[in-house]
Structures are given as C-alpha cells and as structure tokens.
Amino acid sequence: FQVFKIEVLMNGRKHFVEKRYSEFHALHKKLKKFIRTPEIPSKHVRNWVPKVLEQRRQGLELYLQTVILENEELPKIFLDFLNVRHVPTLPKAESCGSFDETESEESSKLSHQPVLLFLRDPYVLPKAN
C-alpha cells in the first residue's frame, strides 16, 4: 500500500506525518460535516503508474492547502490529522506544507513553499497597444 509523507511547517518548526489514502478519505468524510471541502482525488486508481500516483499526490497536497487557505479557523479533526496541537496566529501560507510519497525513490523532494497567487502572470509584460 501507498503511504504519503506530509511535511508540516509551523512556527519555523517542521515535522512529518505519514498517512495512507484511506486516512485522507476518512478525514474528508468528517470535514464535510463542518466545512465546505475541496474535491479530493478519486478513491479508485486503476493502475499504479508513477504518473498516476504523482497526480494523486499533487491532488492530496492541493486538498490540504485549500482547506488551510479557505478556513479562518481549522477544525480540530484537521489539526489532529496533521498532528498539530495548537495554531499560532501566523500568516496562513506559513502553515502550508508539502508532501511526497515515501515509496517512490525518484520522487522529487519538495521543500516547503508558501502558496502565492497572482491575478496576472507576473513575468508577462502587458501587450503594447
């Protein structure tokens, strides 16, 4: 079975939590009762191709970050899932982690990066009229 290693960064401190997809799915079912939840990647993955697994990993990462960014107050079950005891009053981007598969040797190691949002591509100059 596949295990996802979640990197949680809070207050400049880092810790790791390992979860199976079934644990994400159970969390999702509980969270739906309290908050509006984002889409969770499909429960059924037909083939264990690295590309498909990477898509699932990215989907779960996006799921966690969306829950964090869209909720002023995070439900206790979510904090327990990430093994966080209390939430400091920090900018939310601080609390976003990243995670990677522990099974795949060649999976790229992601370092923590805050989530940034640009309404326009900052690297593209506006067209001259």
Protein backbone atom coordinates (compact mmCIF):
# COMPACT_ATOMS: atom_id res chain seq x y z
CA PHE A 1 0.00 0.00 0.00
CA GLN A 2 0.99 3.57 -0.54
CA VAL A 3 1.92 5.97 2.23
CA PHE A 4 2.18 9.74 1.85
CA LYS A 5 4.69 11.64 3.93
CA ILE A 6 3.31 15.08 4.84
CA GLU A 7 5.71 17.84 5.80
CA VAL A 8 4.10 20.27 8.25
CA LEU A 9 5.81 23.58 8.90
CA MET A 10 4.59 25.74 11.77
CA ASN A 11 6.39 28.47 13.67
CA GLY A 12 9.53 27.64 11.74
CA ARG A 13 9.39 24.08 13.11
CA LYS A 14 8.99 21.12 10.82
CA HIS A 15 7.55 17.68 11.47
CA PHE A 16 6.38 14.81 9.31
CA VAL A 17 3.18 12.78 9.39
CA GLU A 18 2.64 9.61 7.36
CA LYS A 19 -0.89 8.87 6.12
CA ARG A 20 -2.49 6.38 3.79
CA TYR A 21 -5.06 7.45 1.21
CA SER A 22 -7.81 5.78 3.29
CA GLU A 23 -6.96 8.16 6.16
CA PHE A 24 -7.32 11.16 3.83
CA HIS A 25 -10.67 9.80 2.69
CA ALA A 26 -11.88 9.32 6.29
CA LEU A 27 -10.76 12.89 7.11
CA HIS A 28 -12.65 14.19 4.07
CA LYS A 29 -15.88 12.47 5.18
CA LYS A 30 -15.59 14.04 8.67
CA LEU A 31 -14.63 17.51 7.39
CA LYS A 32 -17.64 17.63 5.05
CA LYS A 33 -19.87 17.83 8.14
CA PHE A 34 -18.20 21.03 9.37
CA ILE A 35 -16.80 22.95 6.42
CA ARG A 36 -17.08 23.28 2.65
CA THR A 37 -14.41 20.94 1.38
CA PRO A 38 -12.49 20.96 -1.89
CA GLU A 39 -12.53 17.98 -4.24
CA ILE A 40 -10.50 15.00 -3.06
CA PRO A 41 -8.67 12.86 -5.64
CA SER A 42 -10.55 9.73 -6.71
CA LYS A 43 -10.56 6.78 -4.35
CA HIS A 44 -10.08 4.32 -7.20
CA VAL A 45 -6.80 4.40 -9.08
CA ARG A 46 -6.80 1.67 -11.71
CA ASN A 47 -3.08 1.43 -12.36
CA TRP A 48 -0.11 2.09 -10.12
CA VAL A 49 1.79 4.01 -12.78
CA PRO A 50 4.19 6.62 -11.31
CA LYS A 51 2.48 9.40 -13.32
CA VAL A 52 -0.95 8.48 -11.90
CA LEU A 53 0.44 8.25 -8.36
CA GLU A 54 2.12 11.65 -8.77
CA GLN A 55 -1.23 13.14 -9.86
CA ARG A 56 -2.84 11.70 -6.72
CA ARG A 57 -0.03 13.09 -4.56
CA GLN A 58 -0.43 16.55 -6.11
CA GLY A 59 -4.21 16.34 -5.66
CA LEU A 60 -3.89 15.50 -1.97
CA GLU A 61 -1.36 18.29 -1.47
CA LEU A 62 -3.74 20.75 -3.13
CA TYR A 63 -6.59 19.40 -0.98
CA LEU A 64 -4.71 20.11 2.28
CA GLN A 65 -3.56 23.55 1.18
CA THR A 66 -7.05 24.54 0.02
CA VAL A 67 -8.57 23.54 3.38
CA ILE A 68 -5.93 25.65 5.15
CA LEU A 69 -6.32 28.69 2.90
CA GLU A 70 -10.14 28.71 2.79
CA ASN A 71 -10.80 28.37 6.52
CA GLU A 72 -10.17 31.10 9.04
CA GLU A 73 -10.36 28.51 11.80
CA LEU A 74 -9.27 24.96 11.14
CA PRO A 75 -11.39 22.15 12.63
CA LYS A 76 -9.73 20.14 15.42
CA ILE A 77 -10.00 16.91 13.37
CA PHE A 78 -7.92 18.55 10.64
CA LEU A 79 -5.28 19.69 13.14
CA ASP A 80 -5.24 16.23 14.75
CA PHE A 81 -4.76 14.68 11.29
CA LEU A 82 -1.63 16.82 10.84
CA ASN A 83 -0.57 16.19 14.44
CA VAL A 84 -0.75 19.90 15.31
CA ARG A 85 -1.58 20.82 18.89
CA HIS A 86 -2.40 24.50 18.57
CA VAL A 87 -2.42 27.01 15.76
CA PRO A 88 -0.30 30.12 16.23
CA THR A 89 -1.61 33.34 14.75
CA LEU A 90 0.61 33.36 11.70
CA PRO A 91 0.02 34.20 8.06
CA LYS A 92 -1.72 31.15 6.62
CA ALA A 93 0.90 30.50 3.97
CA GLU A 94 3.27 29.64 6.84
CA SER A 95 1.18 26.62 7.77
CA CYS A 96 1.02 25.10 4.28
CA GLY A 97 3.21 22.06 3.97
CA SER A 98 4.15 19.86 1.09
CA PHE A 99 4.45 16.12 0.95
CA ASP A 100 5.85 13.36 -1.14
CA GLU A 101 5.49 9.60 -1.48
CA THR A 102 7.70 7.53 0.75
CA GLU A 103 7.53 4.55 -1.62
CA SER A 104 8.98 6.15 -4.70
CA GLU A 105 12.76 6.62 -4.59
CA GLU A 106 12.90 9.01 -7.51
CA SER A 107 10.01 11.22 -6.36
CA SER A 108 11.21 14.77 -6.19
CA LYS A 109 11.74 16.04 -2.68
CA LEU A 110 9.59 19.11 -2.28
CA SER A 111 10.75 21.83 0.03
CA HIS A 112 8.15 23.97 1.79
CA GLN A 113 7.00 26.96 -0.22
CA PRO A 114 4.22 29.36 0.70
CA VAL A 115 1.34 29.48 -1.75
CA LEU A 116 1.33 32.64 -3.85
CA LEU A 117 -1.50 33.90 -6.02
CA PHE A 118 -1.05 36.21 -8.97
CA LEU A 119 -4.12 37.53 -10.78
CA ARG A 120 -1.93 38.06 -13.86
CA ASP A 121 1.26 36.31 -14.85
CA PRO A 122 3.94 38.49 -13.21
CA TYR A 123 6.51 37.50 -15.85
CA VAL A 124 4.49 38.51 -18.89
CA LEU A 125 4.51 42.14 -19.89
CA PRO A 126 1.14 43.64 -20.90
CA LYS A 127 0.73 43.93 -24.69
CA ALA A 128 1.55 47.35 -26.06
CA ASN A 129 -1.47 48.88 -27.81
